[in-house]
N, C-alpha and C. Protein backbone atom coordinates (compact mmCIF):
# COMPACT_ATOMS: atom_id res chain seq x y z
N MET A 1 93.39 105.49 96.44
CA MET A 1 93.55 106.21 95.18
C MET A 1 94.12 105.30 94.11
N ALA A 2 95.14 104.53 94.48
CA ALA A 2 95.77 103.65 93.50
C ALA A 2 94.77 102.63 92.97
N ARG A 3 94.00 102.05 93.86
CA ARG A 3 93.00 101.07 93.42
C ARG A 3 91.95 101.73 92.52
N GLY A 4 91.52 102.92 92.89
CA GLY A 4 90.52 103.64 92.09
C GLY A 4 91.04 103.96 90.70
N LEU A 5 92.27 104.44 90.61
CA LEU A 5 92.85 104.73 89.29
C LEU A 5 93.05 103.46 88.48
N SER A 6 93.48 102.41 89.16
CA SER A 6 93.65 101.13 88.46
C SER A 6 92.32 100.66 87.87
N TYR A 7 91.27 100.80 88.64
CA TYR A 7 89.94 100.42 88.16
C TYR A 7 89.54 101.26 86.95
N LEU A 8 89.74 102.57 87.04
CA LEU A 8 89.40 103.44 85.91
C LEU A 8 90.17 103.04 84.66
N HIS A 9 91.45 102.75 84.84
CA HIS A 9 92.28 102.39 83.69
C HIS A 9 91.84 101.06 83.08
N GLU A 10 91.40 100.13 83.92
CA GLU A 10 90.88 98.86 83.40
C GLU A 10 89.63 99.10 82.55
N MET A 11 88.89 100.15 82.88
CA MET A 11 87.67 100.51 82.13
C MET A 11 87.99 101.38 80.91
N GLY A 12 89.28 101.68 80.71
CA GLY A 12 89.68 102.51 79.58
C GLY A 12 89.50 104.00 79.82
N ILE A 13 89.43 104.40 81.09
CA ILE A 13 89.22 105.81 81.42
C ILE A 13 90.51 106.41 81.96
N VAL A 14 90.91 107.55 81.39
CA VAL A 14 92.05 108.31 81.88
C VAL A 14 91.48 109.59 82.49
N HIS A 15 91.88 109.90 83.71
CA HIS A 15 91.34 111.06 84.41
C HIS A 15 91.78 112.37 83.76
N TYR A 16 93.05 112.49 83.38
CA TYR A 16 93.64 113.65 82.70
C TYR A 16 93.92 114.85 83.59
N ASN A 17 93.30 114.97 84.74
CA ASN A 17 93.46 116.18 85.54
C ASN A 17 93.61 115.84 87.02
N LEU A 18 94.41 114.85 87.30
CA LEU A 18 94.59 114.39 88.67
C LEU A 18 95.49 115.35 89.43
N LYS A 19 95.01 115.83 90.55
CA LYS A 19 95.78 116.70 91.45
C LYS A 19 95.11 116.69 92.81
N SER A 20 95.75 117.29 93.79
CA SER A 20 95.26 117.18 95.17
C SER A 20 93.84 117.72 95.35
N THR A 21 93.47 118.71 94.58
CA THR A 21 92.12 119.27 94.73
C THR A 21 91.05 118.35 94.14
N LYS A 22 91.47 117.30 93.46
CA LYS A 22 90.52 116.33 92.88
C LYS A 22 90.38 115.09 93.77
N VAL A 23 91.02 115.11 94.92
CA VAL A 23 90.94 114.00 95.86
C VAL A 23 89.96 114.38 96.97
N LEU A 24 88.94 113.57 97.11
CA LEU A 24 87.93 113.79 98.15
C LEU A 24 88.10 112.73 99.23
N LEU A 25 87.79 113.07 100.45
CA LEU A 25 87.87 112.10 101.55
C LEU A 25 86.47 111.78 102.02
N ASP A 26 86.21 110.47 102.22
CA ASP A 26 84.90 110.08 102.75
C ASP A 26 84.91 110.24 104.27
N GLY A 27 83.82 109.87 104.93
CA GLY A 27 83.68 110.04 106.37
C GLY A 27 84.72 109.30 107.18
N SER A 28 85.33 108.27 106.60
CA SER A 28 86.38 107.50 107.29
C SER A 28 87.78 107.95 106.91
N GLY A 29 87.86 108.99 106.10
CA GLY A 29 89.17 109.49 105.68
C GLY A 29 89.75 108.76 104.49
N ASN A 30 88.96 107.92 103.83
CA ASN A 30 89.44 107.20 102.65
C ASN A 30 89.36 108.10 101.43
N PRO A 31 90.43 108.15 100.63
CA PRO A 31 90.43 109.03 99.46
C PRO A 31 89.55 108.48 98.33
N LYS A 32 88.90 109.40 97.65
CA LYS A 32 88.08 109.10 96.47
C LYS A 32 88.49 110.06 95.36
N ILE A 33 88.47 109.56 94.14
CA ILE A 33 88.83 110.39 93.00
C ILE A 33 87.61 111.19 92.58
N GLY A 34 87.79 112.49 92.42
CA GLY A 34 86.67 113.34 92.05
C GLY A 34 86.90 114.08 90.74
N ASP A 35 85.86 114.73 90.27
CA ASP A 35 85.85 115.61 89.11
C ASP A 35 86.25 114.92 87.81
N PHE A 36 85.24 114.36 87.18
CA PHE A 36 85.45 113.72 85.90
C PHE A 36 84.87 114.56 84.77
N GLY A 37 84.67 115.85 85.01
CA GLY A 37 84.03 116.71 84.03
C GLY A 37 84.75 116.76 82.70
N LEU A 38 86.08 116.85 82.71
CA LEU A 38 86.82 116.96 81.47
C LEU A 38 86.75 115.68 80.63
N ILE A 39 86.65 114.54 81.28
CA ILE A 39 86.64 113.27 80.56
C ILE A 39 85.50 113.23 79.55
N GLN A 40 84.34 113.71 79.96
CA GLN A 40 83.18 113.66 79.09
C GLN A 40 83.34 114.57 77.88
N LEU A 41 84.15 115.62 78.02
CA LEU A 41 84.30 116.60 76.95
C LEU A 41 85.49 116.36 76.05
N LEU A 42 86.41 115.49 76.44
CA LEU A 42 87.66 115.35 75.72
C LEU A 42 87.51 115.13 74.22
N PRO A 43 86.62 114.30 73.74
CA PRO A 43 86.55 114.12 72.28
C PRO A 43 86.21 115.42 71.55
N ASP A 44 85.52 116.33 72.21
CA ASP A 44 85.08 117.56 71.56
C ASP A 44 86.03 118.74 71.80
N LEU A 45 86.92 118.59 72.76
CA LEU A 45 87.77 119.73 73.11
C LEU A 45 88.96 119.87 72.18
N ASP A 46 89.22 121.08 71.81
CA ASP A 46 90.42 121.39 71.06
C ASP A 46 91.61 121.32 72.03
N ARG A 47 92.78 120.99 71.53
CA ARG A 47 93.98 120.86 72.37
C ARG A 47 94.24 122.15 73.15
N CYS A 48 94.04 123.30 72.54
CA CYS A 48 94.29 124.57 73.22
C CYS A 48 93.29 124.79 74.34
N VAL A 49 92.04 124.44 74.11
CA VAL A 49 91.01 124.60 75.14
C VAL A 49 91.36 123.71 76.33
N LEU A 50 91.73 122.47 76.05
CA LEU A 50 92.10 121.55 77.11
C LEU A 50 93.29 122.09 77.88
N SER A 51 94.26 122.63 77.16
CA SER A 51 95.46 123.16 77.79
C SER A 51 95.11 124.26 78.79
N SER A 52 94.18 125.14 78.42
CA SER A 52 93.81 126.22 79.34
C SER A 52 92.98 125.71 80.51
N LYS A 53 92.22 124.65 80.31
CA LYS A 53 91.39 124.11 81.39
C LYS A 53 92.22 123.47 82.50
N VAL A 54 93.37 122.91 82.14
CA VAL A 54 94.17 122.24 83.15
C VAL A 54 95.42 123.04 83.53
N GLN A 55 95.41 124.31 83.19
CA GLN A 55 96.54 125.16 83.52
C GLN A 55 96.84 125.14 85.01
N SER A 56 95.81 125.00 85.83
CA SER A 56 95.99 124.99 87.28
C SER A 56 96.66 123.71 87.76
N ALA A 57 96.87 122.77 86.86
CA ALA A 57 97.48 121.49 87.23
C ALA A 57 98.99 121.53 87.10
N LEU A 58 99.59 122.72 87.03
CA LEU A 58 101.03 122.84 86.91
C LEU A 58 101.71 122.06 88.03
N GLY A 59 102.64 121.24 87.66
CA GLY A 59 103.32 120.40 88.64
C GLY A 59 102.77 118.99 88.65
N TYR A 60 101.51 118.83 88.26
CA TYR A 60 100.87 117.52 88.20
C TYR A 60 100.86 116.98 86.77
N MET A 61 101.07 117.85 85.79
CA MET A 61 100.98 117.45 84.40
C MET A 61 102.23 116.72 83.97
N ALA A 62 102.05 115.58 83.35
CA ALA A 62 103.17 114.80 82.84
C ALA A 62 103.84 115.55 81.69
N PRO A 63 105.14 115.38 81.53
CA PRO A 63 105.86 116.11 80.49
C PRO A 63 105.30 115.91 79.08
N GLU A 64 104.75 114.74 78.81
CA GLU A 64 104.25 114.47 77.45
C GLU A 64 103.05 115.32 77.09
N PHE A 65 102.41 115.95 78.07
CA PHE A 65 101.26 116.80 77.78
C PHE A 65 101.66 117.95 76.86
N ALA A 66 102.89 118.41 76.98
CA ALA A 66 103.36 119.54 76.18
C ALA A 66 103.64 119.15 74.73
N CYS A 67 103.75 117.87 74.47
CA CYS A 67 104.09 117.39 73.13
C CYS A 67 102.83 117.00 72.37
N ARG A 68 102.56 117.67 71.31
CA ARG A 68 101.34 117.41 70.54
C ARG A 68 101.33 116.05 69.86
N THR A 69 102.50 115.45 69.67
CA THR A 69 102.57 114.20 68.92
C THR A 69 102.42 112.96 69.80
N VAL A 70 102.51 113.13 71.12
CA VAL A 70 102.41 111.98 72.02
C VAL A 70 100.97 111.81 72.48
N ARG A 71 100.49 110.58 72.36
CA ARG A 71 99.13 110.27 72.79
C ARG A 71 99.08 110.20 74.33
N ILE A 72 98.10 110.85 74.92
CA ILE A 72 97.93 110.82 76.37
C ILE A 72 97.34 109.45 76.73
N THR A 73 98.00 108.75 77.64
CA THR A 73 97.57 107.41 78.05
C THR A 73 97.38 107.37 79.56
N GLU A 74 97.14 106.18 80.07
CA GLU A 74 97.00 105.97 81.50
C GLU A 74 98.26 106.40 82.26
N LYS A 75 99.40 106.39 81.58
CA LYS A 75 100.66 106.77 82.21
C LYS A 75 100.64 108.25 82.62
N TYR A 76 99.78 109.01 81.98
CA TYR A 76 99.61 110.42 82.35
C TYR A 76 99.07 110.50 83.78
N ASP A 77 98.08 109.67 84.10
CA ASP A 77 97.53 109.62 85.46
C ASP A 77 98.55 109.08 86.45
N VAL A 78 99.38 108.13 86.02
CA VAL A 78 100.41 107.56 86.90
C VAL A 78 101.35 108.67 87.35
N TYR A 79 101.70 109.56 86.42
CA TYR A 79 102.57 110.70 86.76
C TYR A 79 101.90 111.55 87.84
N GLY A 80 100.65 111.91 87.63
CA GLY A 80 99.92 112.72 88.61
C GLY A 80 99.83 112.02 89.96
N PHE A 81 99.63 110.70 89.94
CA PHE A 81 99.58 109.93 91.18
C PHE A 81 100.92 110.00 91.91
N GLY A 82 102.01 109.88 91.16
CA GLY A 82 103.34 109.97 91.77
C GLY A 82 103.55 111.31 92.44
N ILE A 83 103.11 112.37 91.78
CA ILE A 83 103.23 113.71 92.38
C ILE A 83 102.38 113.80 93.64
N LEU A 84 101.17 113.25 93.60
CA LEU A 84 100.31 113.24 94.80
C LEU A 84 100.97 112.50 95.95
N VAL A 85 101.59 111.36 95.66
CA VAL A 85 102.28 110.59 96.71
C VAL A 85 103.38 111.44 97.34
N LEU A 86 104.18 112.08 96.50
CA LEU A 86 105.26 112.92 97.03
C LEU A 86 104.72 114.10 97.81
N GLU A 87 103.62 114.66 97.35
CA GLU A 87 103.00 115.78 98.05
C GLU A 87 102.53 115.36 99.44
N VAL A 88 101.89 114.21 99.54
CA VAL A 88 101.39 113.71 100.82
C VAL A 88 102.56 113.38 101.75
N MET A 89 103.58 112.72 101.21
CA MET A 89 104.70 112.29 102.04
C MET A 89 105.55 113.45 102.55
N THR A 90 105.63 114.53 101.78
CA THR A 90 106.48 115.65 102.16
C THR A 90 105.72 116.83 102.76
N GLY A 91 104.42 116.90 102.47
CA GLY A 91 103.64 118.05 102.92
C GLY A 91 103.93 119.30 102.12
N ARG A 92 104.54 119.14 100.94
CA ARG A 92 104.91 120.28 100.10
C ARG A 92 104.14 120.24 98.79
N ARG A 93 104.03 121.39 98.15
CA ARG A 93 103.36 121.51 96.86
C ARG A 93 104.28 121.02 95.74
N PRO A 94 103.71 120.64 94.59
CA PRO A 94 104.53 120.14 93.48
C PRO A 94 105.55 121.17 92.97
N VAL A 95 105.15 122.42 92.98
CA VAL A 95 106.04 123.51 92.59
C VAL A 95 105.83 124.62 93.61
N GLU A 96 106.93 125.06 94.23
CA GLU A 96 106.84 126.14 95.22
C GLU A 96 107.70 127.30 94.73
N TYR A 97 107.11 128.47 94.73
CA TYR A 97 107.81 129.67 94.29
C TYR A 97 108.31 130.41 95.50
N MET A 98 109.63 130.44 95.64
CA MET A 98 110.27 131.14 96.75
C MET A 98 110.67 132.53 96.26
N GLU A 99 111.21 133.33 97.16
CA GLU A 99 111.60 134.68 96.80
C GLU A 99 112.62 134.70 95.66
N ASP A 100 113.65 133.86 95.77
CA ASP A 100 114.71 133.85 94.76
C ASP A 100 114.85 132.52 94.04
N ASP A 101 113.89 131.65 94.19
CA ASP A 101 114.06 130.31 93.65
C ASP A 101 112.70 129.65 93.39
N VAL A 102 112.75 128.61 92.61
CA VAL A 102 111.59 127.76 92.38
C VAL A 102 111.99 126.35 92.81
N VAL A 103 111.20 125.74 93.69
CA VAL A 103 111.50 124.40 94.16
C VAL A 103 110.52 123.44 93.50
N VAL A 104 111.07 122.50 92.73
CA VAL A 104 110.27 121.46 92.08
C VAL A 104 110.36 120.22 92.97
N LEU A 105 109.21 119.77 93.45
CA LEU A 105 109.15 118.70 94.43
C LEU A 105 109.93 117.46 94.01
N CYS A 106 109.72 116.98 92.81
CA CYS A 106 110.43 115.77 92.34
C CYS A 106 111.94 115.94 92.44
N GLU A 107 112.42 117.07 91.99
CA GLU A 107 113.86 117.32 92.02
C GLU A 107 114.39 117.37 93.44
N MET A 108 113.65 118.03 94.32
CA MET A 108 114.07 118.14 95.71
C MET A 108 114.15 116.77 96.37
N VAL A 109 113.10 115.95 96.18
CA VAL A 109 113.05 114.63 96.80
C VAL A 109 114.12 113.72 96.19
N ARG A 110 114.27 113.76 94.87
CA ARG A 110 115.28 112.93 94.21
C ARG A 110 116.68 113.29 94.73
N GLY A 111 116.95 114.57 94.87
CA GLY A 111 118.25 115.02 95.40
C GLY A 111 118.48 114.53 96.82
N ALA A 112 117.47 114.64 97.66
CA ALA A 112 117.59 114.18 99.04
C ALA A 112 117.82 112.67 99.09
N LEU A 113 117.14 111.93 98.23
CA LEU A 113 117.29 110.47 98.17
C LEU A 113 118.71 110.10 97.75
N GLU A 114 119.23 110.80 96.74
CA GLU A 114 120.59 110.53 96.27
C GLU A 114 121.63 110.84 97.34
N GLU A 115 121.34 111.81 98.19
CA GLU A 115 122.26 112.17 99.28
C GLU A 115 122.06 111.31 100.52
N GLY A 116 121.10 110.38 100.45
CA GLY A 116 120.81 109.53 101.60
C GLY A 116 120.03 110.24 102.69
N LYS A 117 119.35 111.31 102.32
CA LYS A 117 118.60 112.11 103.29
C LYS A 117 117.11 112.16 102.99
N ALA A 118 116.58 111.09 102.41
CA ALA A 118 115.16 111.08 102.03
C ALA A 118 114.27 111.27 103.25
N GLY A 119 114.69 110.77 104.39
CA GLY A 119 113.89 110.92 105.62
C GLY A 119 113.68 112.37 106.00
N SER A 120 114.61 113.25 105.61
CA SER A 120 114.46 114.67 105.94
C SER A 120 113.35 115.34 105.14
N CYS A 121 112.91 114.70 104.07
CA CYS A 121 111.83 115.24 103.23
C CYS A 121 110.45 114.94 103.81
N VAL A 122 110.36 113.96 104.69
CA VAL A 122 109.07 113.48 105.17
C VAL A 122 108.43 114.54 106.07
N ASP A 123 107.16 114.78 105.82
CA ASP A 123 106.37 115.73 106.60
C ASP A 123 106.36 115.29 108.07
N GLY A 124 106.68 116.20 108.96
CA GLY A 124 106.70 115.90 110.39
C GLY A 124 105.36 115.42 110.92
N LYS A 125 104.27 115.81 110.25
CA LYS A 125 102.93 115.38 110.68
C LYS A 125 102.73 113.88 110.50
N LEU A 126 103.57 113.24 109.70
CA LEU A 126 103.44 111.80 109.44
C LEU A 126 104.22 110.96 110.45
N GLN A 127 105.00 111.62 111.29
CA GLN A 127 105.80 110.88 112.27
C GLN A 127 104.90 109.99 113.11
N GLY A 128 105.23 108.72 113.13
CA GLY A 128 104.48 107.75 113.93
C GLY A 128 103.20 107.23 113.30
N MET A 129 102.77 107.81 112.19
CA MET A 129 101.55 107.35 111.53
C MET A 129 101.77 106.10 110.71
N PHE A 130 102.99 105.95 110.19
CA PHE A 130 103.32 104.82 109.33
C PHE A 130 104.61 104.20 109.83
N PRO A 131 104.76 102.90 109.65
CA PRO A 131 106.04 102.28 110.00
C PRO A 131 107.16 102.90 109.18
N SER A 132 108.29 103.16 109.78
CA SER A 132 109.39 103.85 109.09
C SER A 132 109.88 103.07 107.87
N GLU A 133 109.76 101.74 107.91
CA GLU A 133 110.21 100.94 106.76
C GLU A 133 109.29 101.06 105.55
N GLU A 134 108.14 101.72 105.70
CA GLU A 134 107.24 101.95 104.57
C GLU A 134 107.51 103.30 103.90
N VAL A 135 108.03 104.24 104.64
CA VAL A 135 108.12 105.62 104.16
C VAL A 135 109.03 105.76 102.95
N ILE A 136 110.26 105.31 103.04
CA ILE A 136 111.21 105.48 101.94
C ILE A 136 110.77 104.71 100.69
N PRO A 137 110.31 103.45 100.81
CA PRO A 137 109.82 102.77 99.60
C PRO A 137 108.64 103.48 98.94
N VAL A 138 107.77 104.09 99.72
CA VAL A 138 106.64 104.82 99.15
C VAL A 138 107.15 106.08 98.44
N ILE A 139 108.12 106.75 99.02
CA ILE A 139 108.71 107.93 98.36
C ILE A 139 109.37 107.51 97.05
N LYS A 140 110.10 106.40 97.07
CA LYS A 140 110.74 105.90 95.84
C LYS A 140 109.69 105.56 94.78
N LEU A 141 108.60 104.94 95.21
CA LEU A 141 107.52 104.63 94.28
C LEU A 141 106.94 105.91 93.68
N GLY A 142 106.76 106.94 94.49
CA GLY A 142 106.27 108.22 93.98
C GLY A 142 107.19 108.78 92.91
N LEU A 143 108.50 108.67 93.13
CA LEU A 143 109.46 109.15 92.14
C LEU A 143 109.42 108.33 90.86
N ILE A 144 109.26 107.02 91.00
CA ILE A 144 109.17 106.16 89.81
C ILE A 144 107.91 106.51 89.01
N CYS A 145 106.80 106.69 89.72
CA CYS A 145 105.55 107.05 89.03
C CYS A 145 105.68 108.39 88.32
N ALA A 146 106.46 109.30 88.90
CA ALA A 146 106.62 110.64 88.33
C ALA A 146 107.84 110.72 87.41
N SER A 147 108.25 109.60 86.87
CA SER A 147 109.37 109.58 85.94
C SER A 147 109.08 110.49 84.74
N GLN A 148 110.10 111.17 84.27
CA GLN A 148 109.95 112.03 83.09
C GLN A 148 109.68 111.21 81.83
N VAL A 149 110.12 109.96 81.84
CA VAL A 149 109.95 109.09 80.68
C VAL A 149 108.71 108.22 80.87
N GLN A 150 107.75 108.39 80.01
CA GLN A 150 106.46 107.71 80.13
C GLN A 150 106.61 106.19 80.23
N SER A 151 107.48 105.61 79.44
CA SER A 151 107.63 104.15 79.41
C SER A 151 108.24 103.59 80.70
N LYS A 152 108.85 104.43 81.51
CA LYS A 152 109.44 103.98 82.77
C LYS A 152 108.44 103.97 83.92
N ARG A 153 107.28 104.56 83.70
CA ARG A 153 106.25 104.57 84.75
C ARG A 153 105.51 103.24 84.77
N PRO A 154 105.23 102.72 85.97
CA PRO A 154 104.47 101.46 86.05
C PRO A 154 103.00 101.70 85.73
N ASP A 155 102.28 100.63 85.46
CA ASP A 155 100.83 100.70 85.34
C ASP A 155 100.26 100.85 86.74
N MET A 156 99.04 101.37 86.85
CA MET A 156 98.44 101.53 88.18
C MET A 156 98.21 100.20 88.86
N SER A 157 97.95 99.14 88.10
CA SER A 157 97.79 97.82 88.73
C SER A 157 99.10 97.39 89.38
N GLU A 158 100.23 97.72 88.73
CA GLU A 158 101.54 97.43 89.32
C GLU A 158 101.76 98.26 90.58
N VAL A 159 101.33 99.51 90.54
CA VAL A 159 101.46 100.40 91.70
C VAL A 159 100.70 99.83 92.89
N VAL A 160 99.48 99.36 92.64
CA VAL A 160 98.68 98.74 93.70
C VAL A 160 99.43 97.56 94.30
N ASN A 161 99.98 96.70 93.44
CA ASN A 161 100.74 95.53 93.93
C ASN A 161 101.96 95.94 94.74
N ILE A 162 102.68 96.95 94.28
CA ILE A 162 103.87 97.42 94.99
C ILE A 162 103.48 97.97 96.36
N LEU A 163 102.42 98.76 96.40
CA LEU A 163 101.98 99.32 97.69
C LEU A 163 101.57 98.21 98.66
N GLU A 164 100.92 97.18 98.14
CA GLU A 164 100.54 96.05 99.00
C GLU A 164 101.79 95.32 99.50
N LEU A 165 102.80 95.17 98.65
CA LEU A 165 104.05 94.53 99.07
C LEU A 165 104.77 95.35 100.13
N ILE A 166 104.78 96.67 99.95
CA ILE A 166 105.42 97.55 100.94
C ILE A 166 104.72 97.40 102.28
N GLN A 167 103.40 97.39 102.25
CA GLN A 167 102.63 97.27 103.48
C GLN A 167 102.85 95.91 104.14
N CYS A 168 102.86 94.84 103.35
CA CYS A 168 103.05 93.49 103.88
C CYS A 168 104.44 93.32 104.49
N SER A 169 105.46 93.91 103.84
CA SER A 169 106.83 93.74 104.32
C SER A 169 107.05 94.41 105.68
N SER A 170 106.25 95.43 105.98
CA SER A 170 106.40 96.10 107.28
C SER A 170 105.58 95.42 108.37
N ASP A 171 104.63 94.55 107.98
CA ASP A 171 103.80 93.85 108.97
C ASP A 171 104.54 92.73 109.57
């Protein structure tokens, strides 16, 4: 996914609607980015129309989307990618509505990390699938990508490099 988004960004394409339902898996289980329908329409879409089209992306939308004066850039996709990483690593949705509470994934993971309990956030289904020394750095990368401040998010090419470094350091 990171390589695919990096490639799109090099071509000047911003996905705008990245979320788990837009990730397709090929026959080998490799993720592919899907649904570029909105990209073709963006120049013609009114801001309100676009807003209603991506309403289902709650939790994946970068904070700057709500601000009419901020230009949507590749960093918007980086935010969505960070949320996807956290979703995969934890097995939880970006926003979960409980009986008496709302759990925001970023806040939950950030809190666990600050308490030194980031490992407790990891989805049990991932046990043994990845080296343990990769898990926490990937979670931290997800949080960095999902930073509330657009300028603090890395470029996708940087994300690809960081992921390769994480993988190499565990080998």
